[in-house]
Amino acid sequence: MATATKFIQKLRNFLAGRDLQEKLQLRYTELSKRTPPPPKLPVGPSHKFANNYYCTRDGRREAYPPIVVMSPQKALPSGAPSASSETSVTTSAKEPVIPGLPPPKWELSKDEPYL
């Protein structure tokens, strides 16, 4: 339509009953704004302008393990052992429990002594 001459455009508009050249580029009325508002981002490890090296931009490097503020278990008092531990029964090292019957002892055969 834009390549037609002025005479052809006026003839076409007259026969169509409306102006066909009026909204060629802006045919959609619900256009978004060209300047969106700036984003509201939280402050992070890469927000600085200076001393922001590539190797330190990883936010995972600035995370530390959690600090124990209060333990749910009571801590044992340090120092000399209490009187109750002197009378306690000494425990010996136990062998691990194996389920089922113990395996039979393997023996070398008597008829082949070279094994």
PDB file of N, CA and C in Angstrom:
ATOM      1  N   MET A   1       0.805  -1.186   0.000  1.00  0.00           N
ATOM      2  CA  MET A   1       0.000   0.000   0.000  1.00  0.00           C
ATOM      3  C   MET A   1       0.850   1.253   0.000  1.00  0.00           C
ATOM      4  N   ALA A   2       2.010   1.187   0.610  1.00  0.00           N
ATOM      5  CA  ALA A   2       2.839   2.375   0.689  1.00  0.00           C
ATOM      6  C   ALA A   2       3.497   2.670  -0.649  1.00  0.00           C
ATOM      7  N   THR A   3       3.559   1.706  -1.558  1.00  0.00           N
ATOM      8  CA  THR A   3       4.222   1.934  -2.841  1.00  0.00           C
ATOM      9  C   THR A   3       3.265   2.499  -3.889  1.00  0.00           C
ATOM     10  N   ALA A   4       1.996   2.608  -3.579  1.00  0.00           N
ATOM     11  CA  ALA A   4       1.023   3.134  -4.550  1.00  0.00           C
ATOM     12  C   ALA A   4       1.174   4.655  -4.655  1.00  0.00           C
ATOM     13  N   THR A   5       0.798   5.195  -5.804  1.00  0.00           N
ATOM     14  CA  THR A   5       0.878   6.644  -6.006  1.00  0.00           C
ATOM     15  C   THR A   5      -0.226   7.332  -5.221  1.00  0.00           C
ATOM     16  N   LYS A   6      -0.145   8.646  -5.099  1.00  0.00           N
ATOM     17  CA  LYS A   6      -1.127   9.409  -4.324  1.00  0.00           C
ATOM     18  C   LYS A   6      -2.532   9.266  -4.930  1.00  0.00           C
ATOM     19  N   PHE A   7      -2.634   9.254  -6.263  1.00  0.00           N
ATOM     20  CA  PHE A   7      -3.938   9.126  -6.914  1.00  0.00           C
ATOM     21  C   PHE A   7      -4.565   7.772  -6.597  1.00  0.00           C
ATOM     22  N   ILE A   8      -3.782   6.713  -6.697  1.00  0.00           N
ATOM     23  CA  ILE A   8      -4.287   5.355  -6.423  1.00  0.00           C
ATOM     24  C   ILE A   8      -4.661   5.231  -4.949  1.00  0.00           C
ATOM     25  N   GLN A   9      -3.871   5.804  -4.021  1.00  0.00           N
ATOM     26  CA  GLN A   9      -4.194   5.759  -2.596  1.00  0.00           C
ATOM     27  C   GLN A   9      -5.532   6.441  -2.317  1.00  0.00           C
ATOM     28  N   LYS A  10      -5.771   7.636  -2.920  1.00  0.00           N
ATOM     29  CA  LYS A  10      -7.023   8.350  -2.686  1.00  0.00           C
ATOM     30  C   LYS A  10      -8.200   7.596  -3.291  1.00  0.00           C
ATOM     31  N   LEU A  11      -8.013   7.005  -4.472  1.00  0.00           N
ATOM     32  CA  LEU A  11      -9.073   6.213  -5.088  1.00  0.00           C
ATOM     33  C   LEU A  11      -9.416   4.997  -4.227  1.00  0.00           C
ATOM     34  N   ARG A  12      -8.391   4.318  -3.733  1.00  0.00           N
ATOM     35  CA  ARG A  12      -8.586   3.131  -2.892  1.00  0.00           C
ATOM     36  C   ARG A  12      -9.265   3.508  -1.576  1.00  0.00           C
ATOM     37  N   ASN A  13      -8.889   4.625  -0.958  1.00  0.00           N
ATOM     38  CA  ASN A  13      -9.526   5.072   0.276  1.00  0.00           C
ATOM     39  C   ASN A  13     -10.994   5.436   0.035  1.00  0.00           C
ATOM     40  N   PHE A  14     -11.290   6.046  -1.132  1.00  0.00           N
ATOM     41  CA  PHE A  14     -12.669   6.415  -1.458  1.00  0.00           C
ATOM     42  C   PHE A  14     -13.529   5.170  -1.646  1.00  0.00           C
ATOM     43  N   LEU A  15     -12.993   4.175  -2.348  1.00  0.00           N
ATOM     44  CA  LEU A  15     -13.773   2.955  -2.604  1.00  0.00           C
ATOM     45  C   LEU A  15     -13.921   2.105  -1.337  1.00  0.00           C
ATOM     46  N   ALA A  16     -12.922   2.160  -0.420  1.00  0.00           N
ATOM     47  CA  ALA A  16     -13.000   1.380   0.822  1.00  0.00           C
ATOM     48  C   ALA A  16     -13.898   2.061   1.848  1.00  0.00           C
ATOM     49  N   GLY A  17     -14.091   3.353   1.717  1.00  0.00           N
ATOM     50  CA  GLY A  17     -14.933   4.066   2.665  1.00  0.00           C
ATOM     51  C   GLY A  17     -14.199   4.492   3.917  1.00  0.00           C
ATOM     52  N   ARG A  18     -12.909   4.291   3.983  1.00  0.00           N
ATOM     53  CA  ARG A  18     -12.098   4.703   5.132  1.00  0.00           C
ATOM     54  C   ARG A  18     -10.663   4.915   4.680  1.00  0.00           C
ATOM     55  N   ASP A  19      -9.856   5.493   5.566  1.00  0.00           N
ATOM     56  CA  ASP A  19      -8.464   5.777   5.241  1.00  0.00           C
ATOM     57  C   ASP A  19      -7.621   4.532   5.514  1.00  0.00           C
ATOM     58  N   LEU A  20      -7.145   3.891   4.473  1.00  0.00           N
ATOM     59  CA  LEU A  20      -6.344   2.674   4.636  1.00  0.00           C
ATOM     60  C   LEU A  20      -4.903   2.979   5.018  1.00  0.00           C
ATOM     61  N   GLN A  21      -4.444   4.195   4.841  1.00  0.00           N
ATOM     62  CA  GLN A  21      -3.066   4.564   5.157  1.00  0.00           C
ATOM     63  C   GLN A  21      -2.905   5.065   6.588  1.00  0.00           C
ATOM     64  N   GLU A  22      -3.993   5.148   7.328  1.00  0.00           N
ATOM     65  CA  GLU A  22      -3.957   5.810   8.628  1.00  0.00           C
ATOM     66  C   GLU A  22      -3.078   5.074   9.640  1.00  0.00           C
ATOM     67  N   LYS A  23      -3.267   3.781   9.787  1.00  0.00           N
ATOM     68  CA  LYS A  23      -2.531   3.042  10.819  1.00  0.00           C
ATOM     69  C   LYS A  23      -1.840   1.830  10.206  1.00  0.00           C
ATOM     70  N   LEU A  24      -0.861   2.070   9.409  1.00  0.00           N
ATOM     71  CA  LEU A  24      -0.139   0.924   8.868  1.00  0.00           C
ATOM     72  C   LEU A  24       0.836   0.348   9.890  1.00  0.00           C
ATOM     73  N   GLN A  25       1.601   1.185  10.577  1.00  0.00           N
ATOM     74  CA  GLN A  25       2.596   0.688  11.518  1.00  0.00           C
ATOM     75  C   GLN A  25       2.005   0.435  12.899  1.00  0.00           C
ATOM     76  N   LEU A  26       1.077   1.271  13.339  1.00  0.00           N
ATOM     77  CA  LEU A  26       0.522   1.151  14.686  1.00  0.00           C
ATOM     78  C   LEU A  26      -0.864   0.530  14.633  1.00  0.00           C
ATOM     79  N   ARG A  27      -0.953  -0.690  14.129  1.00  0.00           N
ATOM     80  CA  ARG A  27      -2.257  -1.324  14.009  1.00  0.00           C
ATOM     81  C   ARG A  27      -2.701  -1.977  15.319  1.00  0.00           C
ATOM     82  N   TYR A  28      -1.771  -2.153  16.260  1.00  0.00           N
ATOM     83  CA  TYR A  28      -2.122  -2.733  17.556  1.00  0.00           C
ATOM     84  C   TYR A  28      -2.215  -1.604  18.566  1.00  0.00           C
ATOM     85  N   THR A  29      -3.332  -1.514  19.275  1.00  0.00           N
ATOM     86  CA  THR A  29      -3.514  -0.408  20.221  1.00  0.00           C
ATOM     87  C   THR A  29      -2.884  -0.694  21.574  1.00  0.00           C
ATOM     88  N   GLU A  30      -2.685  -1.958  21.928  1.00  0.00           N
ATOM     89  CA  GLU A  30      -2.144  -2.291  23.239  1.00  0.00           C
ATOM     90  C   GLU A  30      -0.628  -2.489  23.161  1.00  0.00           C
ATOM     91  N   LEU A  31       0.079  -1.413  22.920  1.00  0.00           N
ATOM     92  CA  LEU A  31       1.535  -1.473  22.854  1.00  0.00           C
ATOM     93  C   LEU A  31       2.120  -1.291  24.238  1.00  0.00           C
ATOM     94  N   SER A  32       3.203  -1.992  24.524  1.00  0.00           N
ATOM     95  CA  SER A  32       3.854  -1.851  25.823  1.00  0.00           C
ATOM     96  C   SER A  32       4.701  -0.585  25.843  1.00  0.00           C
ATOM     97  N   LYS A  33       5.010  -0.126  27.040  1.00  0.00           N
ATOM     98  CA  LYS A  33       5.823   1.065  27.186  1.00  0.00           C
ATOM     99  C   LYS A  33       7.239   0.768  26.700  1.00  0.00           C
ATOM    100  N   ARG A  34       7.887   1.756  26.142  1.00  0.00           N
ATOM    101  CA  ARG A  34       9.245   1.578  25.650  1.00  0.00           C
ATOM    102  C   ARG A  34      10.278   1.735  26.759  1.00  0.00           C
ATOM    103  N   THR A  35       9.882   2.335  27.873  1.00  0.00           N
ATOM    104  CA  THR A  35      10.804   2.505  28.997  1.00  0.00           C
ATOM    105  C   THR A  35      10.213   1.802  30.216  1.00  0.00           C
ATOM    106  N   PRO A  36      10.554   0.532  30.425  1.00  0.00           N
ATOM    107  CA  PRO A  36      10.030  -0.171  31.598  1.00  0.00           C
ATOM    108  C   PRO A  36      10.705   0.352  32.865  1.00  0.00           C
ATOM    109  N   PRO A  37      10.061   0.174  34.002  1.00  0.00           N
ATOM    110  CA  PRO A  37      10.690   0.634  35.244  1.00  0.00           C
ATOM    111  C   PRO A  37      11.932  -0.200  35.545  1.00  0.00           C
ATOM    112  N   PRO A  38      12.912   0.370  36.239  1.00  0.00           N
ATOM    113  CA  PRO A  38      14.121  -0.393  36.554  1.00  0.00           C
ATOM    114  C   PRO A  38      13.811  -1.525  37.528  1.00  0.00           C
ATOM    115  N   PRO A  39      14.502  -2.648  37.439  1.00  0.00           N
ATOM    116  CA  PRO A  39      14.212  -3.781  38.325  1.00  0.00           C
ATOM    117  C   PRO A  39      14.654  -3.493  39.755  1.00  0.00           C
ATOM    118  N   LYS A  40      13.937  -4.090  40.692  1.00  0.00           N
ATOM    119  CA  LYS A  40      14.274  -3.955  42.110  1.00  0.00           C
ATOM    120  C   LYS A  40      14.947  -5.252  42.549  1.00  0.00           C
ATOM    121  N   LEU A  41      16.259  -5.310  42.429  1.00  0.00           N
ATOM    122  CA  LEU A  41      17.010  -6.510  42.760  1.00  0.00           C
ATOM    123  C   LEU A  41      17.663  -6.360  44.121  1.00  0.00           C
ATOM    124  N   PRO A  42      17.778  -7.462  44.882  1.00  0.00           N
ATOM    125  CA  PRO A  42      18.474  -7.367  46.161  1.00  0.00           C
ATOM    126  C   PRO A  42      19.977  -7.196  45.953  1.00  0.00           C
ATOM    127  N   VAL A  43      20.622  -6.650  46.944  1.00  0.00           N
ATOM    128  CA  VAL A  43      22.068  -6.431  46.873  1.00  0.00           C
ATOM    129  C   VAL A  43      22.757  -7.785  46.977  1.00  0.00           C
ATOM    130  N   GLY A  44      23.680  -8.040  46.084  1.00  0.00           N
ATOM    131  CA  GLY A  44      24.374  -9.320  46.072  1.00  0.00           C
ATOM    132  C   GLY A  44      25.871  -9.152  45.993  1.00  0.00           C
ATOM    133  N   PRO A  45      26.601 -10.240  45.738  1.00  0.00           N
ATOM    134  CA  PRO A  45      28.065 -10.157  45.703  1.00  0.00           C
ATOM    135  C   PRO A  45      28.593  -9.448  44.470  1.00  0.00           C
ATOM    136  N   SER A  46      27.773  -9.273  43.434  1.00  0.00           N
ATOM    137  CA  SER A  46      28.264  -8.664  42.198  1.00  0.00           C
ATOM    138  C   SER A  46      27.719  -7.261  41.972  1.00  0.00           C
ATOM    139  N   HIS A  47      27.221  -6.620  43.000  1.00  0.00           N
ATOM    140  CA  HIS A  47      26.652  -5.287  42.808  1.00  0.00           C
ATOM    141  C   HIS A  47      27.695  -4.183  42.866  1.00  0.00           C
ATOM    142  N   LYS A  48      28.908  -4.504  43.283  1.00  0.00           N
ATOM    143  CA  LYS A  48      29.941  -3.487  43.445  1.00  0.00           C
ATOM    144  C   LYS A  48      30.505  -3.075  42.093  1.00  0.00           C
ATOM    145  N   PHE A  49      30.952  -1.830  41.997  1.00  0.00           N
ATOM    146  CA  PHE A  49      31.594  -1.339  40.784  1.00  0.00           C
ATOM    147  C   PHE A  49      33.100  -1.569  40.819  1.00  0.00           C
ATOM    148  N   ALA A  50      33.694  -1.541  41.993  1.00  0.00           N
ATOM    149  CA  ALA A  50      35.140  -1.724  42.135  1.00  0.00           C
ATOM    150  C   ALA A  50      35.418  -3.017  42.892  1.00  0.00           C
ATOM    151  N   ASN A  51      36.590  -3.562  42.692  1.00  0.00           N
ATOM    152  CA  ASN A  51      37.025  -4.820  43.328  1.00  0.00           C
ATOM    153  C   ASN A  51      36.016  -5.940  43.069  1.00  0.00           C
ATOM    154  N   ASN A  52      35.495  -5.991  41.856  1.00  0.00           N
ATOM    155  CA  ASN A  52      34.523  -7.000  41.470  1.00  0.00           C
ATOM    156  C   ASN A  52      35.162  -7.887  40.410  1.00  0.00           C
ATOM    157  N   TYR A  53      36.093  -8.692  40.821  1.00  0.00           N
ATOM    158  CA  TYR A  53      36.843  -9.519  39.886  1.00  0.00           C
ATOM    159  C   TYR A  53      36.002 -10.711  39.437  1.00  0.00           C
ATOM    160  N   TYR A  54      36.344 -11.228  38.282  1.00  0.00           N
ATOM    161  CA  TYR A  54      35.560 -12.321  37.693  1.00  0.00           C
ATOM    162  C   TYR A  54      35.591 -13.565  38.572  1.00  0.00           C
ATOM    163  N   CYS A  55      36.742 -13.840  39.172  1.00  0.00           N
ATOM    164  CA  CYS A  55      36.860 -15.066  39.968  1.00  0.00           C
ATOM    165  C   CYS A  55      36.111 -14.968  41.294  1.00  0.00           C
ATOM    166  N   THR A  56      35.758 -13.777  41.725  1.00  0.00           N
ATOM    167  CA  THR A  56      35.042 -13.632  42.995  1.00  0.00           C
ATOM    168  C   THR A  56      33.570 -13.308  42.799  1.00  0.00           C
ATOM    169  N   ARG A  57      33.041 -13.383  41.585  1.00  0.00           N
ATOM    170  CA  ARG A  57      31.641 -13.048  41.346  1.00  0.00           C
ATOM    171  C   ARG A  57      30.690 -14.171  41.708  1.00  0.00           C
ATOM    172  N   ASP A  58      31.210 -15.345  41.933  1.00  0.00           N
ATOM    173  CA  ASP A  58      30.349 -16.473  42.251  1.00  0.00           C
ATOM    174  C   ASP A  58      29.802 -16.303  43.668  1.00  0.00           C
ATOM    175  N   GLY A  59      28.495 -16.229  43.799  1.00  0.00           N
ATOM    176  CA  GLY A  59      27.881 -16.031  45.107  1.00  0.00           C
ATOM    177  C   GLY A  59      28.039 -17.219  46.021  1.00  0.00           C
ATOM    178  N   ARG A  60      28.310 -18.405  45.450  1.00  0.00           N
ATOM    179  CA  ARG A  60      28.476 -19.587  46.289  1.00  0.00           C
ATOM    180  C   ARG A  60      29.754 -19.530  47.096  1.00  0.00           C
ATOM    181  N   ARG A  61      30.742 -18.728  46.639  1.00  0.00           N
ATOM    182  CA  ARG A  61      31.996 -18.623  47.371  1.00  0.00           C
ATOM    183  C   ARG A  61      31.849 -17.787  48.637  1.00  0.00           C
ATOM    184  N   GLU A  62      30.815 -16.970  48.707  1.00  0.00           N
ATOM    185  CA  GLU A  62      30.620 -16.145  49.880  1.00  0.00           C
ATOM    186  C   GLU A  62      29.712 -16.812  50.907  1.00  0.00           C
ATOM    187  N   ALA A  63      29.282 -18.030  50.652  1.00  0.00           N
ATOM    188  CA  ALA A  63      28.457 -18.760  51.608  1.00  0.00           C
ATOM    189  C   ALA A  63      29.356 -19.553  52.546  1.00  0.00           C
ATOM    190  N   TYR A  64      28.988 -19.586  53.810  1.00  0.00           N
ATOM    191  CA  TYR A  64      29.753 -20.301  54.812  1.00  0.00           C
ATOM    192  C   TYR A  64      28.871 -21.350  55.448  1.00  0.00           C
ATOM    193  N   PRO A  65      29.477 -22.369  56.076  1.00  0.00           N
ATOM    194  CA  PRO A  65      28.650 -23.350  56.770  1.00  0.00           C
ATOM    195  C   PRO A  65      27.900 -22.695  57.928  1.00  0.00           C
ATOM    196  N   PRO A  66      26.790 -23.280  58.330  1.00  0.00           N
ATOM    197  CA  PRO A  66      26.009 -22.664  59.405  1.00  0.00           C
ATOM    198  C   PRO A  66      26.777 -22.652  60.722  1.00  0.00           C
ATOM    199  N   ILE A  67      26.543 -21.624  61.503  1.00  0.00           N
ATOM    200  CA  ILE A  67      27.177 -21.481  62.805  1.00  0.00           C
ATOM    201  C   ILE A  67      26.206 -21.996  63.855  1.00  0.00           C
ATOM    202  N   VAL A  68      26.688 -22.867  64.756  1.00  0.00           N
ATOM    203  CA  VAL A  68      25.845 -23.419  65.805  1.00  0.00           C
ATOM    204  C   VAL A  68      25.751 -22.378  66.920  1.00  0.00           C
ATOM    205  N   VAL A  69      24.559 -21.837  67.099  1.00  0.00           N
ATOM    206  CA  VAL A  69      24.358 -20.841  68.137  1.00  0.00           C
ATOM    207  C   VAL A  69      24.054 -21.520  69.459  1.00  0.00           C
ATOM    208  N   MET A  70      23.183 -22.524  69.409  1.00  0.00           N
ATOM    209  CA  MET A  70      22.831 -23.248  70.625  1.00  0.00           C
ATOM    210  C   MET A  70      22.615 -24.707  70.262  1.00  0.00           C
ATOM    211  N   SER A  71      23.218 -25.596  71.005  1.00  0.00           N
ATOM    212  CA  SER A  71      23.076 -27.015  70.736  1.00  0.00           C
ATOM    213  C   SER A  71      21.949 -27.579  71.598  1.00  0.00           C
ATOM    214  N   PRO A  72      21.126 -28.463  71.031  1.00  0.00           N
ATOM    215  CA  PRO A  72      20.055 -29.046  71.844  1.00  0.00           C
ATOM    216  C   PRO A  72      20.580 -30.056  72.861  1.00  0.00           C
ATOM    217  N   GLN A  73      21.812 -30.525  72.698  1.00  0.00           N
ATOM    218  CA  GLN A  73      22.396 -31.485  73.631  1.00  0.00           C
ATOM    219  C   GLN A  73      23.203 -30.735  74.679  1.00  0.00           C
ATOM    220  N   LYS A  74      23.175 -31.243  75.895  1.00  0.00           N
ATOM    221  CA  LYS A  74      23.949 -30.623  76.961  1.00  0.00           C
ATOM    222  C   LYS A  74      25.403 -31.058  76.820  1.00  0.00           C
ATOM    223  N   ALA A  75      26.291 -30.131  77.019  1.00  0.00           N
ATOM    224  CA  ALA A  75      27.714 -30.438  76.932  1.00  0.00           C
ATOM    225  C   ALA A  75      28.179 -31.064  78.238  1.00  0.00           C
ATOM    226  N   LEU A  76      29.085 -32.037  78.131  1.00  0.00           N
ATOM    227  CA  LEU A  76      29.632 -32.669  79.330  1.00  0.00           C
ATOM    228  C   LEU A  76      30.631 -31.723  79.982  1.00  0.00           C
ATOM    229  N   PRO A  77      30.634 -31.691  81.310  1.00  0.00           N
ATOM    230  CA  PRO A  77      31.605 -30.813  81.969  1.00  0.00           C
ATOM    231  C   PRO A  77      33.011 -31.372  81.810  1.00  0.00           C
ATOM    232  N   SER A  78      33.952 -30.492  81.598  1.00  0.00           N
ATOM    233  CA  SER A  78      35.331 -30.944  81.443  1.00  0.00           C
ATOM    234  C   SER A  78      35.994 -31.017  82.807  1.00  0.00           C
ATOM    235  N   GLY A  79      37.104 -31.715  82.852  1.00  0.00           N
ATOM    236  CA  GLY A  79      37.835 -31.817  84.116  1.00  0.00           C
ATOM    237  C   GLY A  79      37.934 -33.264  84.562  1.00  0.00           C
ATOM    238  N   ALA A  80      37.998 -33.463  85.858  1.00  0.00           N
ATOM    239  CA  ALA A  80      38.152 -34.805  86.436  1.00  0.00           C
ATOM    240  C   ALA A  80      36.880 -35.610  86.233  1.00  0.00           C
ATOM    241  N   PRO A  81      37.027 -36.942  86.072  1.00  0.00           N
ATOM    242  CA  PRO A  81      35.831 -37.775  85.905  1.00  0.00           C
ATOM    243  C   PRO A  81      35.010 -37.781  87.192  1.00  0.00           C
ATOM    244  N   SER A  82      33.733 -37.923  87.047  1.00  0.00           N
ATOM    245  CA  SER A  82      32.846 -37.918  88.208  1.00  0.00           C
ATOM    246  C   SER A  82      32.904 -39.265  88.909  1.00  0.00           C
ATOM    247  N   ALA A  83      32.303 -39.337  90.075  1.00  0.00           N
ATOM    248  CA  ALA A  83      32.344 -40.556  90.890  1.00  0.00           C
ATOM    249  C   ALA A  83      31.552 -41.677  90.257  1.00  0.00           C
ATOM    250  N   SER A  84      30.533 -41.370  89.482  1.00  0.00           N
ATOM    251  CA  SER A  84      29.710 -42.419  88.885  1.00  0.00           C
ATOM    252  C   SER A  84      30.473 -43.166  87.789  1.00  0.00           C
ATOM    253  N   SER A  85      31.420 -42.490  87.123  1.00  0.00           N
ATOM    254  CA  SER A  85      32.153 -43.171  86.067  1.00  0.00           C
ATOM    255  C   SER A  85      33.212 -44.122  86.636  1.00  0.00           C
ATOM    256  N   GLU A  86      33.651 -43.909  87.885  1.00  0.00           N
ATOM    257  CA  GLU A  86      34.641 -44.818  88.495  1.00  0.00           C
ATOM    258  C   GLU A  86      34.024 -46.163  88.800  1.00  0.00           C
ATOM    259  N   THR A  87      32.763 -46.202  89.142  1.00  0.00           N
ATOM    260  CA  THR A  87      32.106 -47.453  89.502  1.00  0.00           C
ATOM    261  C   THR A  87      31.465 -48.130  88.300  1.00  0.00           C
ATOM    262  N   SER A  88      31.574 -47.543  87.141  1.00  0.00           N
ATOM    263  CA  SER A  88      30.932 -48.150  85.978  1.00  0.00           C
ATOM    264  C   SER A  88      31.689 -49.404  85.554  1.00  0.00           C
ATOM    265  N   VAL A  89      30.993 -50.303  84.921  1.00  0.00           N
ATOM    266  CA  VAL A  89      31.563 -51.562  84.477  1.00  0.00           C
ATOM    267  C   VAL A  89      32.370 -51.302  83.215  1.00  0.00           C
ATOM    268  N   THR A  90      33.569 -51.865  83.180  1.00  0.00           N
ATOM    269  CA  THR A  90      34.392 -51.705  81.982  1.00  0.00           C
ATOM    270  C   THR A  90      33.841 -52.588  80.883  1.00  0.00           C
ATOM    271  N   THR A  91      33.780 -52.057  79.705  1.00  0.00           N
ATOM    272  CA  THR A  91      33.250 -52.813  78.574  1.00  0.00           C
ATOM    273  C   THR A  91      34.401 -53.281  77.710  1.00  0.00           C
ATOM    274  N   SER A  92      34.274 -54.484  77.181  1.00  0.00           N
ATOM    275  CA  SER A  92      35.294 -55.021  76.289  1.00  0.00           C
ATOM    276  C   SER A  92      34.828 -54.831  74.851  1.00  0.00           C
ATOM    277  N   ALA A  93      35.770 -54.911  73.942  1.00  0.00           N
ATOM    278  CA  ALA A  93      35.440 -54.752  72.531  1.00  0.00           C
ATOM    279  C   ALA A  93      34.618 -55.952  72.063  1.00  0.00           C
ATOM    280  N   LYS A  94      33.477 -55.691  71.447  1.00  0.00           N
ATOM    281  CA  LYS A  94      32.599 -56.757  70.981  1.00  0.00           C
ATOM    282  C   LYS A  94      32.880 -57.036  69.510  1.00  0.00           C
ATOM    283  N   GLU A  95      32.704 -58.278  69.129  1.00  0.00           N
ATOM    284  CA  GLU A  95      32.828 -58.648  67.727  1.00  0.00           C
ATOM    285  C   GLU A  95      31.527 -58.290  67.020  1.00  0.00           C
ATOM    286  N   PRO A  96      31.589 -57.987  65.739  1.00  0.00           N
ATOM    287  CA  PRO A  96      30.356 -57.630  65.033  1.00  0.00           C
ATOM    288  C   PRO A  96      29.434 -58.839  64.899  1.00  0.00           C
ATOM    289  N   VAL A  97      28.155 -58.585  64.911  1.00  0.00           N
ATOM    290  CA  VAL A  97      27.158 -59.635  64.788  1.00  0.00           C
ATOM    291  C   VAL A  97      26.988 -59.965  63.315  1.00  0.00           C
ATOM    292  N   ILE A  98      27.126 -61.252  62.969  1.00  0.00           N
ATOM    293  CA  ILE A  98      26.959 -61.722  61.597  1.00  0.00           C
ATOM    294  C   ILE A  98      25.661 -62.503  61.540  1.00  0.00           C
ATOM    295  N   PRO A  99      24.730 -62.177  60.663  1.00  0.00           N
ATOM    296  CA  PRO A  99      23.468 -62.906  60.611  1.00  0.00           C
ATOM    297  C   PRO A  99      23.669 -64.308  60.049  1.00  0.00           C
ATOM    298  N   GLY A 100      22.855 -65.225  60.530  1.00  0.00           N
ATOM    299  CA  GLY A 100      22.898 -66.599  60.038  1.00  0.00           C
ATOM    300  C   GLY A 100      23.973 -67.431  60.733  1.00  0.00           C
ATOM    301  N   LEU A 101      24.134 -68.626  60.216  1.00  0.00           N
ATOM    302  CA  LEU A 101      25.139 -69.534  60.783  1.00  0.00           C
ATOM    303  C   LEU A 101      26.533 -69.123  60.323  1.00  0.00           C
ATOM    304  N   PRO A 102      27.533 -69.393  61.137  1.00  0.00           N
ATOM    305  CA  PRO A 102      28.894 -69.052  60.707  1.00  0.00           C
ATOM    306  C   PRO A 102      29.324 -69.951  59.549  1.00  0.00           C
ATOM    307  N   PRO A 103      30.120 -69.422  58.627  1.00  0.00           N
ATOM    308  CA  PRO A 103      30.540 -70.251  57.493  1.00  0.00           C
ATOM    309  C   PRO A 103      31.472 -71.366  57.953  1.00  0.00           C
ATOM    310  N   PRO A 104      31.448 -72.502  57.250  1.00  0.00           N
ATOM    311  CA  PRO A 104      32.323 -73.615  57.646  1.00  0.00           C
ATOM    312  C   PRO A 104      33.790 -73.263  57.385  1.00  0.00           C
ATOM    313  N   LYS A 105      34.657 -73.871  58.163  1.00  0.00           N
ATOM    314  CA  LYS A 105      36.094 -73.640  58.004  1.00  0.00           C
ATOM    315  C   LYS A 105      36.562 -74.336  56.734  1.00  0.00           C
ATOM    316  N   TRP A 106      37.348 -73.653  55.952  1.00  0.00           N
ATOM    317  CA  TRP A 106      37.869 -74.232  54.729  1.00  0.00           C
ATOM    318  C   TRP A 106      39.220 -74.858  55.017  1.00  0.00           C
ATOM    319  N   GLU A 107      39.395 -76.060  54.529  1.00  0.00           N
ATOM    320  CA  GLU A 107      40.669 -76.749  54.731  1.00  0.00           C
ATOM    321  C   GLU A 107      41.185 -77.205  53.377  1.00  0.00           C
ATOM    322  N   LEU A 108      42.500 -77.261  53.245  1.00  0.00           N
ATOM    323  CA  LEU A 108      43.110 -77.775  52.023  1.00  0.00           C
ATOM    324  C   LEU A 108      42.952 -79.291  51.985  1.00  0.00           C
ATOM    325  N   SER A 109      42.820 -79.813  50.800  1.00  0.00           N
ATOM    326  CA  SER A 109      42.660 -81.255  50.671  1.00  0.00           C
ATOM    327  C   SER A 109      43.969 -81.970  51.011  1.00  0.00           C
ATOM    328  N   LYS A 110      43.836 -83.133  51.587  1.00  0.00           N
ATOM    329  CA  LYS A 110      45.011 -83.898  52.029  1.00  0.00           C
ATOM    330  C   LYS A 110      45.666 -84.659  50.886  1.00  0.00           C
ATOM    331  N   ASP A 111      44.892 -84.949  49.823  1.00  0.00           N
ATOM    332  CA  ASP A 111      45.448 -85.757  48.744  1.00  0.00           C
ATOM    333  C   ASP A 111      46.274 -84.905  47.754  1.00  0.00           C
ATOM    334  N   GLU A 112      46.171 -83.598  47.787  1.00  0.00           N
ATOM    335  CA  GLU A 112      46.965 -82.745  46.894  1.00  0.00           C
ATOM    336  C   GLU A 112      47.806 -81.797  47.733  1.00  0.00           C
ATOM    337  N   PRO A 113      48.961 -82.250  48.191  1.00  0.00           N
ATOM    338  CA  PRO A 113      49.768 -81.430  49.119  1.00  0.00           C
ATOM    339  C   PRO A 113      50.459 -80.259  48.439  1.00  0.00           C
ATOM    340  N   TYR A 114      50.523 -80.233  47.096  1.00  0.00           N
ATOM    341  CA  TYR A 114      51.242 -79.160  46.442  1.00  0.00           C
ATOM    342  C   TYR A 114      50.434 -77.857  46.361  1.00  0.00           C
ATOM    343  N   LEU A 115      49.198 -77.811  46.817  1.00  0.00           N
ATOM    344  CA  LEU A 115      48.410 -76.596  46.772  1.00  0.00           C
ATOM    345  C   LEU A 115      48.751 -75.659  47.864  1.00  0.00           C
TER     346      LEU A 115
END
